[in-house]
């Protein structure tokens, strides 16, 4: 029981964290996300959502360059993801 409480406390402390977009090279950007209880797909979804918001603020859409995702060290459904993307003009 004590171990379960410690794990729940650790998850509460980590919460959902997403980095702000960081420019890498050639107009590409990178975002990392960590989410508890949503696994790898939840983390990837969070990162892509942040990228969409960032590109939409410029009147553009996300062009995904690459992505990685994994279970974080805390386990228990915690997921991490990192995406590389560019903001492109929307095609009509």
N, C-alpha and C. Protein backbone atom coordinates (compact mmCIF):
# COMPACT_ATOMS: atom_id res chain seq x y z
N UNK A 1 0.83 -1.20 0.00
CA UNK A 1 0.00 0.00 0.00
C UNK A 1 0.87 1.26 0.00
N UNK A 2 1.94 1.21 0.79
CA UNK A 2 2.82 2.38 0.89
C UNK A 2 3.48 2.68 -0.46
N UNK A 3 3.87 1.60 -1.17
CA UNK A 3 4.50 1.78 -2.48
C UNK A 3 3.52 2.41 -3.47
N UNK A 4 2.28 2.00 -3.41
CA UNK A 4 1.25 2.56 -4.28
C UNK A 4 1.04 4.05 -4.01
N UNK A 5 1.03 4.44 -2.75
CA UNK A 5 0.88 5.84 -2.39
C UNK A 5 2.08 6.67 -2.86
N UNK A 6 3.29 6.12 -2.72
CA UNK A 6 4.48 6.82 -3.19
C UNK A 6 4.45 6.99 -4.70
N UNK A 7 4.00 5.98 -5.42
CA UNK A 7 3.90 6.08 -6.88
C UNK A 7 2.88 7.14 -7.28
N UNK A 8 1.74 7.15 -6.62
CA UNK A 8 0.71 8.15 -6.92
C UNK A 8 1.23 9.55 -6.63
N UNK A 9 1.97 9.71 -5.55
CA UNK A 9 2.55 11.01 -5.22
C UNK A 9 3.56 11.44 -6.28
N UNK A 10 4.40 10.51 -6.74
CA UNK A 10 5.39 10.82 -7.78
C UNK A 10 4.72 11.23 -9.07
N UNK A 11 3.64 10.55 -9.44
CA UNK A 11 2.92 10.92 -10.65
C UNK A 11 2.27 12.29 -10.52
N UNK A 12 1.75 12.59 -9.35
CA UNK A 12 1.14 13.91 -9.13
C UNK A 12 2.17 15.02 -9.26
N UNK A 13 3.37 14.75 -8.80
CA UNK A 13 4.43 15.76 -8.88
C UNK A 13 4.89 15.99 -10.32
N UNK A 14 4.95 14.94 -11.12
CA UNK A 14 5.44 15.09 -12.48
C UNK A 14 4.40 15.74 -13.37
N UNK A 15 3.16 15.36 -13.25
CA UNK A 15 2.11 15.94 -14.05
C UNK A 15 2.43 15.92 -15.53
N UNK A 16 1.69 16.69 -16.28
CA UNK A 16 1.91 16.79 -17.71
C UNK A 16 2.88 17.95 -17.96
N UNK A 17 3.97 17.66 -18.62
CA UNK A 17 4.93 18.71 -18.92
C UNK A 17 5.22 18.71 -20.41
N UNK A 18 5.24 19.88 -20.98
CA UNK A 18 5.55 20.04 -22.39
C UNK A 18 6.52 21.20 -22.52
N UNK A 19 7.56 21.02 -23.31
CA UNK A 19 8.49 22.11 -23.52
C UNK A 19 7.92 23.07 -24.56
N UNK A 20 8.35 24.31 -24.50
CA UNK A 20 8.01 25.27 -25.54
C UNK A 20 8.75 24.87 -26.81
N UNK A 21 8.24 25.23 -27.99
CA UNK A 21 8.96 24.91 -29.22
C UNK A 21 10.36 25.53 -29.20
N UNK A 22 11.35 24.72 -29.58
CA UNK A 22 12.74 25.15 -29.66
C UNK A 22 13.18 25.02 -31.10
N UNK A 23 13.70 26.11 -31.68
CA UNK A 23 14.14 26.04 -33.07
C UNK A 23 15.44 25.24 -33.15
N UNK A 24 15.50 24.32 -34.11
CA UNK A 24 16.70 23.50 -34.27
C UNK A 24 17.51 23.96 -35.48
N UNK A 25 17.06 23.71 -36.68
CA UNK A 25 17.80 24.11 -37.88
C UNK A 25 16.85 24.12 -39.08
N UNK A 26 17.22 24.89 -40.08
CA UNK A 26 16.46 24.92 -41.34
C UNK A 26 14.97 25.13 -41.15
N UNK A 27 14.58 25.92 -40.18
CA UNK A 27 13.16 26.19 -39.95
C UNK A 27 12.44 25.08 -39.22
N UNK A 28 13.16 24.12 -38.70
CA UNK A 28 12.54 23.03 -37.93
C UNK A 28 12.48 23.40 -36.46
N UNK A 29 11.53 22.78 -35.76
CA UNK A 29 11.31 23.01 -34.34
C UNK A 29 11.20 21.68 -33.63
N UNK A 30 11.40 21.69 -32.32
CA UNK A 30 11.32 20.48 -31.52
C UNK A 30 10.47 20.76 -30.27
N UNK A 31 9.65 19.78 -29.91
CA UNK A 31 8.84 19.84 -28.69
C UNK A 31 8.94 18.47 -28.00
N UNK A 32 9.06 18.48 -26.68
CA UNK A 32 9.04 17.26 -25.88
C UNK A 32 7.84 17.32 -24.94
N UNK A 33 7.26 16.15 -24.66
CA UNK A 33 6.12 16.08 -23.74
C UNK A 33 6.24 14.84 -22.86
N UNK A 34 5.79 14.97 -21.62
CA UNK A 34 5.69 13.84 -20.68
C UNK A 34 4.31 13.93 -20.04
N UNK A 35 3.58 12.83 -20.11
CA UNK A 35 2.23 12.80 -19.54
C UNK A 35 2.05 11.54 -18.69
N UNK A 36 1.44 11.69 -17.52
CA UNK A 36 1.15 10.51 -16.69
C UNK A 36 -0.13 9.83 -17.17
N UNK A 37 -0.19 8.53 -17.03
CA UNK A 37 -1.41 7.75 -17.25
C UNK A 37 -1.93 7.72 -18.68
N UNK A 38 -1.23 8.30 -19.64
CA UNK A 38 -1.71 8.30 -21.02
C UNK A 38 -0.79 7.54 -21.95
N UNK A 39 0.33 7.06 -21.46
CA UNK A 39 1.24 6.27 -22.27
C UNK A 39 1.91 7.07 -23.38
N UNK A 40 2.55 6.32 -24.26
CA UNK A 40 3.29 6.94 -25.35
C UNK A 40 2.39 7.71 -26.30
N UNK A 41 1.23 7.15 -26.61
CA UNK A 41 0.33 7.82 -27.55
C UNK A 41 -0.21 9.13 -26.97
N UNK A 42 -0.45 9.17 -25.67
CA UNK A 42 -0.91 10.41 -25.04
C UNK A 42 0.16 11.48 -25.08
N UNK A 43 1.41 11.08 -24.87
CA UNK A 43 2.52 12.04 -24.93
C UNK A 43 2.70 12.57 -26.34
N UNK A 44 2.61 11.68 -27.33
CA UNK A 44 2.74 12.11 -28.73
C UNK A 44 1.59 13.04 -29.11
N UNK A 45 0.39 12.72 -28.66
CA UNK A 45 -0.77 13.57 -28.93
C UNK A 45 -0.59 14.96 -28.30
N UNK A 46 -0.05 15.01 -27.09
CA UNK A 46 0.19 16.29 -26.40
C UNK A 46 1.21 17.13 -27.18
N UNK A 47 2.31 16.51 -27.60
CA UNK A 47 3.34 17.23 -28.35
C UNK A 47 2.80 17.75 -29.69
N UNK A 48 2.04 16.91 -30.39
CA UNK A 48 1.46 17.34 -31.67
C UNK A 48 0.44 18.46 -31.48
N UNK A 49 -0.32 18.40 -30.40
CA UNK A 49 -1.27 19.47 -30.12
C UNK A 49 -0.57 20.80 -29.89
N UNK A 50 0.54 20.78 -29.15
CA UNK A 50 1.32 22.00 -28.92
C UNK A 50 1.91 22.52 -30.23
N UNK A 51 2.39 21.61 -31.07
CA UNK A 51 2.94 22.00 -32.37
C UNK A 51 1.86 22.62 -33.25
N UNK A 52 0.66 22.04 -33.24
CA UNK A 52 -0.46 22.59 -34.02
C UNK A 52 -0.81 24.00 -33.55
N UNK A 53 -0.86 24.19 -32.25
CA UNK A 53 -1.16 25.52 -31.71
C UNK A 53 -0.10 26.53 -32.12
N UNK A 54 1.17 26.12 -32.03
CA UNK A 54 2.28 26.99 -32.41
C UNK A 54 2.21 27.38 -33.89
N UNK A 55 2.01 26.41 -34.77
CA UNK A 55 1.95 26.70 -36.20
C UNK A 55 0.69 27.49 -36.57
N UNK A 56 -0.43 27.17 -35.94
CA UNK A 56 -1.68 27.89 -36.23
C UNK A 56 -1.56 29.36 -35.87
N UNK A 57 -0.76 29.69 -34.85
CA UNK A 57 -0.58 31.10 -34.48
C UNK A 57 0.13 31.88 -35.58
N UNK A 58 0.76 31.16 -36.51
CA UNK A 58 1.44 31.77 -37.65
C UNK A 58 0.63 31.61 -38.94
N UNK A 59 -0.58 31.06 -38.83
CA UNK A 59 -1.42 30.81 -40.00
C UNK A 59 -0.91 29.65 -40.84
N UNK A 60 -0.22 28.70 -40.21
CA UNK A 60 0.36 27.57 -40.93
C UNK A 60 -0.07 26.25 -40.30
N UNK A 61 0.35 25.15 -40.90
CA UNK A 61 0.03 23.82 -40.39
C UNK A 61 1.32 23.07 -40.09
N UNK A 62 1.21 22.02 -39.30
CA UNK A 62 2.38 21.22 -38.90
C UNK A 62 2.78 20.28 -40.03
N UNK A 63 4.07 20.24 -40.31
CA UNK A 63 4.65 19.20 -41.17
C UNK A 63 5.60 18.42 -40.27
N UNK A 64 5.20 17.21 -39.91
CA UNK A 64 5.99 16.39 -39.00
C UNK A 64 7.25 15.88 -39.71
N UNK A 65 8.40 16.11 -39.09
CA UNK A 65 9.68 15.66 -39.64
C UNK A 65 10.05 14.30 -39.04
N UNK A 66 9.97 14.19 -37.71
CA UNK A 66 10.27 12.92 -37.04
C UNK A 66 9.65 12.91 -35.66
N UNK A 67 9.53 11.71 -35.08
CA UNK A 67 9.02 11.61 -33.71
C UNK A 67 9.56 10.36 -33.05
N UNK A 68 9.67 10.42 -31.74
CA UNK A 68 10.00 9.26 -30.93
C UNK A 68 9.09 9.28 -29.71
N UNK A 69 8.77 8.11 -29.20
CA UNK A 69 7.97 8.03 -27.99
C UNK A 69 8.38 6.77 -27.23
N UNK A 70 8.19 6.84 -25.92
CA UNK A 70 8.56 5.71 -25.06
C UNK A 70 7.84 5.82 -23.74
N UNK A 71 7.87 4.72 -23.00
CA UNK A 71 7.36 4.75 -21.64
C UNK A 71 8.42 5.42 -20.78
N UNK A 72 8.02 6.34 -19.91
CA UNK A 72 9.01 7.02 -19.08
C UNK A 72 9.45 6.14 -17.92
N UNK A 73 10.48 6.56 -17.26
CA UNK A 73 11.10 5.76 -16.20
C UNK A 73 10.14 5.48 -15.04
N UNK A 74 9.11 6.29 -14.87
CA UNK A 74 8.17 6.09 -13.77
C UNK A 74 7.22 4.93 -14.02
N UNK A 75 7.11 4.48 -15.26
CA UNK A 75 6.20 3.41 -15.66
C UNK A 75 4.77 3.77 -15.26
N UNK A 76 3.92 2.80 -15.06
CA UNK A 76 2.55 3.07 -14.63
C UNK A 76 1.74 3.87 -15.64
N UNK A 77 2.05 3.74 -16.93
CA UNK A 77 1.30 4.46 -17.95
C UNK A 77 1.86 5.81 -18.31
N UNK A 78 2.97 6.19 -17.71
CA UNK A 78 3.60 7.47 -18.02
C UNK A 78 4.27 7.37 -19.39
N UNK A 79 4.08 8.36 -20.25
CA UNK A 79 4.68 8.35 -21.57
C UNK A 79 5.45 9.61 -21.86
N UNK A 80 6.48 9.47 -22.71
CA UNK A 80 7.29 10.60 -23.16
C UNK A 80 7.33 10.59 -24.69
N UNK A 81 7.37 11.77 -25.28
CA UNK A 81 7.49 11.87 -26.73
C UNK A 81 8.28 13.11 -27.09
N UNK A 82 8.94 13.04 -28.23
CA UNK A 82 9.68 14.18 -28.76
C UNK A 82 9.39 14.22 -30.26
N UNK A 83 9.03 15.41 -30.74
CA UNK A 83 8.77 15.55 -32.17
C UNK A 83 9.63 16.65 -32.76
N UNK A 84 9.96 16.48 -34.01
CA UNK A 84 10.63 17.51 -34.79
C UNK A 84 9.64 17.87 -35.89
N UNK A 85 9.41 19.16 -36.13
CA UNK A 85 8.41 19.57 -37.08
C UNK A 85 8.78 20.90 -37.73
N UNK A 86 8.07 21.22 -38.77
CA UNK A 86 8.18 22.53 -39.42
C UNK A 86 6.76 23.07 -39.58
N UNK A 87 6.65 24.38 -39.66
CA UNK A 87 5.35 25.00 -39.93
C UNK A 87 5.31 25.33 -41.42
N UNK A 88 4.32 24.79 -42.11
CA UNK A 88 4.22 24.93 -43.56
C UNK A 88 2.93 25.65 -43.94
N UNK A 89 2.94 26.25 -45.10
CA UNK A 89 1.73 26.88 -45.61
C UNK A 89 0.67 25.80 -45.84
N UNK A 90 -0.56 26.14 -45.50
CA UNK A 90 -1.65 25.20 -45.69
C UNK A 90 -1.97 25.08 -47.19
N UNK A 91 -2.12 23.85 -47.67
CA UNK A 91 -2.46 23.66 -49.08
C UNK A 91 -3.98 23.65 -49.20
N UNK A 92 -4.47 24.25 -50.24
CA UNK A 92 -5.93 24.32 -50.44
C UNK A 92 -6.35 23.39 -51.53
